[in-house]
Amino acid sequence: MPRRFFRKFAFKRHNMSQQWFMSPFRHLLHDHRLWGISRRWVVPAFALGLFIAFLPFPGHTVTAALLALGLRVNIPVAALATWVSNPATMVPMYYFAYQLGSNLLGVPEQPFGFELSIDWVTHTFVNIWQPMLLGCVLLGTSAALFGYLALDGLWRYSIADYKTQKRKQRNSSD
């Protein structure tokens, strides 16, 4: 089931390598691990994307794609998994990360509002970056570990179920 699901959204390696913006990476894009739909390359890419999604900096998709290229895992899955962090989920994710980090560091929590502006970064973020970054790394690691285990388990269960169905069909036809 997971293989068929991911195959629907798979990019074609040849089509991607012909794009003008991919010319600096064209020689790297011929590796089948970067585009293949296999548990060995999709599951780590999913975990990588989840980890990157929790980090408090812009450009999650590009960062995940470049890291997936370097780690030789599926690029589209890593890039799409970062979309867990979107405008609807970003504020709760970062607020919970800040609370977790401040509790672990023993720093008193400061009330703050989250907004994407230079003023917020220069006045508020400079005071809360340490607990927020610690919380983001811990939550990202937890999400990546949970995502890895969940998708790997789902994939293995799906393969076992598929093999069981095939075995039943083969035995019933005899």
C-alpha atoms as a PDB file:
ATOM      1  CA  MET A   1       0.000   0.000   0.000  1.00  0.00           C
ATOM      2  CA  PRO A   2       2.641   2.649   0.869  1.00  0.00           C
ATOM      3  CA  ARG A   3       4.600   1.895  -2.303  1.00  0.00           C
ATOM      4  CA  ARG A   4       1.505   2.337  -4.465  1.00  0.00           C
ATOM      5  CA  PHE A   5       0.569   5.503  -2.571  1.00  0.00           C
ATOM      6  CA  PHE A   6       3.980   7.121  -3.019  1.00  0.00           C
ATOM      7  CA  ARG A   7       4.234   6.012  -6.650  1.00  0.00           C
ATOM      8  CA  LYS A   8       1.242   8.247  -7.492  1.00  0.00           C
ATOM      9  CA  PHE A   9       3.210  11.324  -6.473  1.00  0.00           C
ATOM     10  CA  ALA A  10       6.629  10.231  -7.702  1.00  0.00           C
ATOM     11  CA  PHE A  11       8.607  12.575  -9.915  1.00  0.00           C
ATOM     12  CA  LYS A  12      10.189  11.237 -13.033  1.00  0.00           C
ATOM     13  CA  ARG A  13      13.956  11.523 -12.816  1.00  0.00           C
ATOM     14  CA  HIS A  14      14.346  12.368 -16.488  1.00  0.00           C
ATOM     15  CA  ASN A  15      11.756  15.163 -16.396  1.00  0.00           C
ATOM     16  CA  MET A  16      13.313  16.749 -13.319  1.00  0.00           C
ATOM     17  CA  SER A  17      16.847  16.655 -14.695  1.00  0.00           C
ATOM     18  CA  GLN A  18      15.756  18.591 -17.799  1.00  0.00           C
ATOM     19  CA  GLN A  19      14.608  21.631 -15.790  1.00  0.00           C
ATOM     20  CA  TRP A  20      16.912  24.655 -16.112  1.00  0.00           C
ATOM     21  CA  PHE A  21      17.216  25.214 -12.358  1.00  0.00           C
ATOM     22  CA  MET A  22      18.445  21.648 -11.857  1.00  0.00           C
ATOM     23  CA  SER A  23      21.464  22.023 -14.143  1.00  0.00           C
ATOM     24  CA  PRO A  24      24.001  22.366 -11.280  1.00  0.00           C
ATOM     25  CA  PHE A  25      22.717  19.100  -9.801  1.00  0.00           C
ATOM     26  CA  ARG A  26      22.109  17.199 -13.048  1.00  0.00           C
ATOM     27  CA  HIS A  27      25.068  14.880 -12.567  1.00  0.00           C
ATOM     28  CA  LEU A  28      23.770  13.910  -9.113  1.00  0.00           C
ATOM     29  CA  LEU A  29      20.186  13.241 -10.158  1.00  0.00           C
ATOM     30  CA  HIS A  30      20.838   9.947 -11.894  1.00  0.00           C
ATOM     31  CA  ASP A  31      20.981   8.080  -8.599  1.00  0.00           C
ATOM     32  CA  HIS A  32      17.845   5.924  -8.388  1.00  0.00           C
ATOM     33  CA  ARG A  33      17.732   6.284  -4.589  1.00  0.00           C
ATOM     34  CA  LEU A  34      16.800   9.956  -4.926  1.00  0.00           C
ATOM     35  CA  TRP A  35      13.568   9.185  -6.788  1.00  0.00           C
ATOM     36  CA  GLY A  36      12.879   5.491  -6.140  1.00  0.00           C
ATOM     37  CA  ILE A  37       9.876   4.282  -4.201  1.00  0.00           C
ATOM     38  CA  SER A  38      11.484   1.815  -1.838  1.00  0.00           C
ATOM     39  CA  ARG A  39      11.176   1.491   1.919  1.00  0.00           C
ATOM     40  CA  ARG A  40      14.939   1.952   2.315  1.00  0.00           C
ATOM     41  CA  TRP A  41      14.854   5.438   0.759  1.00  0.00           C
ATOM     42  CA  VAL A  42      11.344   6.714   1.479  1.00  0.00           C
ATOM     43  CA  VAL A  43      11.193   6.059   5.238  1.00  0.00           C
ATOM     44  CA  PRO A  44      14.437   7.936   6.113  1.00  0.00           C
ATOM     45  CA  ALA A  45      13.425  10.758   3.775  1.00  0.00           C
ATOM     46  CA  PHE A  46      10.102  11.083   5.606  1.00  0.00           C
ATOM     47  CA  ALA A  47      11.895  11.239   8.952  1.00  0.00           C
ATOM     48  CA  LEU A  48      14.336  13.828   7.599  1.00  0.00           C
ATOM     49  CA  GLY A  49      11.472  16.007   6.379  1.00  0.00           C
ATOM     50  CA  LEU A  50       9.723  15.812   9.747  1.00  0.00           C
ATOM     51  CA  PHE A  51      12.892  16.825  11.569  1.00  0.00           C
ATOM     52  CA  ILE A  52      13.494  19.802   9.258  1.00  0.00           C
ATOM     53  CA  ALA A  53       9.848  20.892   9.633  1.00  0.00           C
ATOM     54  CA  PHE A  54      10.391  21.630  13.315  1.00  0.00           C
ATOM     55  CA  LEU A  55      13.463  23.833  12.886  1.00  0.00           C
ATOM     56  CA  PRO A  56      12.764  27.573  13.271  1.00  0.00           C
ATOM     57  CA  PHE A  57      14.131  28.937  10.020  1.00  0.00           C
ATOM     58  CA  PRO A  58      12.652  29.597   6.578  1.00  0.00           C
ATOM     59  CA  GLY A  59      13.235  27.419   3.548  1.00  0.00           C
ATOM     60  CA  HIS A  60      12.297  24.028   4.960  1.00  0.00           C
ATOM     61  CA  THR A  61      11.519  22.475   1.592  1.00  0.00           C
ATOM     62  CA  VAL A  62      14.772  23.548  -0.034  1.00  0.00           C
ATOM     63  CA  THR A  63      16.805  22.533   3.011  1.00  0.00           C
ATOM     64  CA  ALA A  64      15.177  19.092   3.113  1.00  0.00           C
ATOM     65  CA  ALA A  65      15.735  18.584  -0.612  1.00  0.00           C
ATOM     66  CA  LEU A  66      19.414  19.486  -0.343  1.00  0.00           C
ATOM     67  CA  LEU A  67      19.941  17.275   2.705  1.00  0.00           C
ATOM     68  CA  ALA A  68      18.094  14.414   0.986  1.00  0.00           C
ATOM     69  CA  LEU A  69      20.401  14.857  -1.981  1.00  0.00           C
ATOM     70  CA  GLY A  70      23.419  14.677   0.310  1.00  0.00           C
ATOM     71  CA  LEU A  71      22.100  11.715   2.295  1.00  0.00           C
ATOM     72  CA  ARG A  72      20.926   9.900  -0.845  1.00  0.00           C
ATOM     73  CA  VAL A  73      17.292   9.459   0.183  1.00  0.00           C
ATOM     74  CA  ASN A  74      14.083  10.235  -1.687  1.00  0.00           C
ATOM     75  CA  ILE A  75      14.026  13.973  -2.425  1.00  0.00           C
ATOM     76  CA  PRO A  76      10.278  14.498  -3.067  1.00  0.00           C
ATOM     77  CA  VAL A  77       9.248  12.692   0.124  1.00  0.00           C
ATOM     78  CA  ALA A  78      11.705  14.684   2.235  1.00  0.00           C
ATOM     79  CA  ALA A  79      10.516  17.947   0.693  1.00  0.00           C
ATOM     80  CA  LEU A  80       6.817  17.138   1.086  1.00  0.00           C
ATOM     81  CA  ALA A  81       7.191  15.961   4.685  1.00  0.00           C
ATOM     82  CA  THR A  82       8.355  19.442   5.664  1.00  0.00           C
ATOM     83  CA  TRP A  83       4.874  20.744   4.875  1.00  0.00           C
ATOM     84  CA  VAL A  84       3.809  19.529   8.317  1.00  0.00           C
ATOM     85  CA  SER A  85       5.010  22.979   9.300  1.00  0.00           C
ATOM     86  CA  ASN A  86       2.585  25.354   7.630  1.00  0.00           C
ATOM     87  CA  PRO A  87       0.931  28.622   8.696  1.00  0.00           C
ATOM     88  CA  ALA A  88      -1.792  26.734  10.564  1.00  0.00           C
ATOM     89  CA  THR A  89       0.585  24.532  12.568  1.00  0.00           C
ATOM     90  CA  MET A  90       3.629  26.767  12.898  1.00  0.00           C
ATOM     91  CA  VAL A  91       2.503  28.850  15.869  1.00  0.00           C
ATOM     92  CA  PRO A  92       1.458  25.892  18.085  1.00  0.00           C
ATOM     93  CA  MET A  93       4.598  23.936  17.133  1.00  0.00           C
ATOM     94  CA  TYR A  94       6.990  26.738  18.006  1.00  0.00           C
ATOM     95  CA  TYR A  95       5.105  27.788  21.120  1.00  0.00           C
ATOM     96  CA  PHE A  96       5.140  24.234  22.478  1.00  0.00           C
ATOM     97  CA  ALA A  97       8.820  23.958  21.548  1.00  0.00           C
ATOM     98  CA  TYR A  98       9.533  27.168  23.469  1.00  0.00           C
ATOM     99  CA  GLN A  99       7.643  25.910  26.524  1.00  0.00           C
ATOM    100  CA  LEU A 100       9.488  22.590  26.430  1.00  0.00           C
ATOM    101  CA  GLY A 101      12.880  24.253  26.043  1.00  0.00           C
ATOM    102  CA  SER A 102      12.276  26.796  28.790  1.00  0.00           C
ATOM    103  CA  ASN A 103      11.132  24.058  31.184  1.00  0.00           C
ATOM    104  CA  LEU A 104      14.208  21.948  30.435  1.00  0.00           C
ATOM    105  CA  LEU A 105      16.600  24.886  30.750  1.00  0.00           C
ATOM    106  CA  GLY A 106      14.866  26.250  33.843  1.00  0.00           C
ATOM    107  CA  VAL A 107      14.371  29.634  32.191  1.00  0.00           C
ATOM    108  CA  PRO A 108      11.221  31.521  33.178  1.00  0.00           C
ATOM    109  CA  GLU A 109       8.767  31.712  30.307  1.00  0.00           C
ATOM    110  CA  GLN A 110       8.289  35.094  28.720  1.00  0.00           C
ATOM    111  CA  PRO A 111       4.958  35.889  27.095  1.00  0.00           C
ATOM    112  CA  PHE A 112       5.365  36.433  23.396  1.00  0.00           C
ATOM    113  CA  GLY A 113       3.350  36.536  20.224  1.00  0.00           C
ATOM    114  CA  PHE A 114       4.644  34.885  17.091  1.00  0.00           C
ATOM    115  CA  GLU A 115       4.771  36.885  13.872  1.00  0.00           C
ATOM    116  CA  LEU A 116       6.937  36.809  10.791  1.00  0.00           C
ATOM    117  CA  SER A 117       8.588  40.204  10.853  1.00  0.00           C
ATOM    118  CA  ILE A 118      12.030  41.709  11.304  1.00  0.00           C
ATOM    119  CA  ASP A 119      10.841  43.546  14.411  1.00  0.00           C
ATOM    120  CA  TRP A 120       9.790  40.269  16.055  1.00  0.00           C
ATOM    121  CA  VAL A 121      13.134  38.657  15.241  1.00  0.00           C
ATOM    122  CA  THR A 122      15.197  41.588  16.570  1.00  0.00           C
ATOM    123  CA  HIS A 123      13.199  42.169  19.760  1.00  0.00           C
ATOM    124  CA  THR A 124      11.542  38.911  20.778  1.00  0.00           C
ATOM    125  CA  PHE A 125      13.402  36.051  19.130  1.00  0.00           C
ATOM    126  CA  VAL A 126      16.811  37.187  20.414  1.00  0.00           C
ATOM    127  CA  ASN A 127      15.507  36.705  23.964  1.00  0.00           C
ATOM    128  CA  ILE A 128      13.899  33.296  23.461  1.00  0.00           C
ATOM    129  CA  TRP A 129      16.091  31.579  20.869  1.00  0.00           C
ATOM    130  CA  GLN A 130      17.905  29.178  23.206  1.00  0.00           C
ATOM    131  CA  PRO A 131      14.858  27.490  24.775  1.00  0.00           C
ATOM    132  CA  MET A 132      12.996  27.610  21.477  1.00  0.00           C
ATOM    133  CA  LEU A 133      15.852  26.003  19.543  1.00  0.00           C
ATOM    134  CA  LEU A 134      16.303  23.282  22.176  1.00  0.00           C
ATOM    135  CA  GLY A 135      12.579  22.530  22.107  1.00  0.00           C
ATOM    136  CA  CYS A 136      12.519  22.524  18.306  1.00  0.00           C
ATOM    137  CA  VAL A 137      15.430  20.085  18.085  1.00  0.00           C
ATOM    138  CA  LEU A 138      13.885  17.777  20.684  1.00  0.00           C
ATOM    139  CA  LEU A 139      10.426  17.877  19.111  1.00  0.00           C
ATOM    140  CA  GLY A 140      11.896  17.454  15.638  1.00  0.00           C
ATOM    141  CA  THR A 141      13.912  14.460  16.770  1.00  0.00           C
ATOM    142  CA  SER A 142      10.842  12.942  18.444  1.00  0.00           C
ATOM    143  CA  ALA A 143       8.676  13.543  15.377  1.00  0.00           C
ATOM    144  CA  ALA A 144      11.343  12.087  13.089  1.00  0.00           C
ATOM    145  CA  LEU A 145      11.748   8.993  15.263  1.00  0.00           C
ATOM    146  CA  PHE A 146       7.996   8.479  15.571  1.00  0.00           C
ATOM    147  CA  GLY A 147       7.485   9.087  11.837  1.00  0.00           C
ATOM    148  CA  TYR A 148      10.282   6.692  10.946  1.00  0.00           C
ATOM    149  CA  LEU A 149       8.930   3.918  13.172  1.00  0.00           C
ATOM    150  CA  ALA A 150       5.302   4.470  12.131  1.00  0.00           C
ATOM    151  CA  LEU A 151       5.936   4.548   8.377  1.00  0.00           C
ATOM    152  CA  ASP A 152       8.398   1.658   8.544  1.00  0.00           C
ATOM    153  CA  GLY A 153       5.898  -0.391  10.553  1.00  0.00           C
ATOM    154  CA  LEU A 154       3.070   0.481   8.162  1.00  0.00           C
ATOM    155  CA  TRP A 155       5.231  -0.414   5.179  1.00  0.00           C
ATOM    156  CA  ARG A 156       6.301  -3.763   6.692  1.00  0.00           C
ATOM    157  CA  TYR A 157       2.714  -4.572   7.680  1.00  0.00           C
ATOM    158  CA  SER A 158       1.544  -3.739   4.161  1.00  0.00           C
ATOM    159  CA  ILE A 159       4.141  -6.054   2.613  1.00  0.00           C
ATOM    160  CA  ALA A 160       3.265  -8.868   5.017  1.00  0.00           C
ATOM    161  CA  ASP A 161      -0.450  -8.410   4.294  1.00  0.00           C
ATOM    162  CA  TYR A 162       0.206  -8.400   0.548  1.00  0.00           C
ATOM    163  CA  LYS A 163       2.203 -11.617   0.802  1.00  0.00           C
ATOM    164  CA  THR A 164      -0.512 -13.210   2.948  1.00  0.00           C
ATOM    165  CA  GLN A 165      -3.170 -12.296   0.379  1.00  0.00           C
ATOM    166  CA  LYS A 166      -1.063 -13.733  -2.442  1.00  0.00           C
ATOM    167  CA  ARG A 167      -0.455 -16.931  -0.442  1.00  0.00           C
ATOM    168  CA  LYS A 168      -4.218 -17.298   0.183  1.00  0.00           C
ATOM    169  CA  GLN A 169      -4.980 -16.783  -3.511  1.00  0.00           C
ATOM    170  CA  ARG A 170      -2.355 -19.330  -4.499  1.00  0.00           C
ATOM    171  CA  ASN A 171      -3.618 -21.894  -1.962  1.00  0.00           C
ATOM    172  CA  SER A 172      -7.276 -21.402  -2.888  1.00  0.00           C
ATOM    173  CA  SER A 173      -6.572 -21.926  -6.607  1.00  0.00           C
ATOM    174  CA  ASP A 174      -4.857 -25.288  -5.945  1.00  0.00           C
END
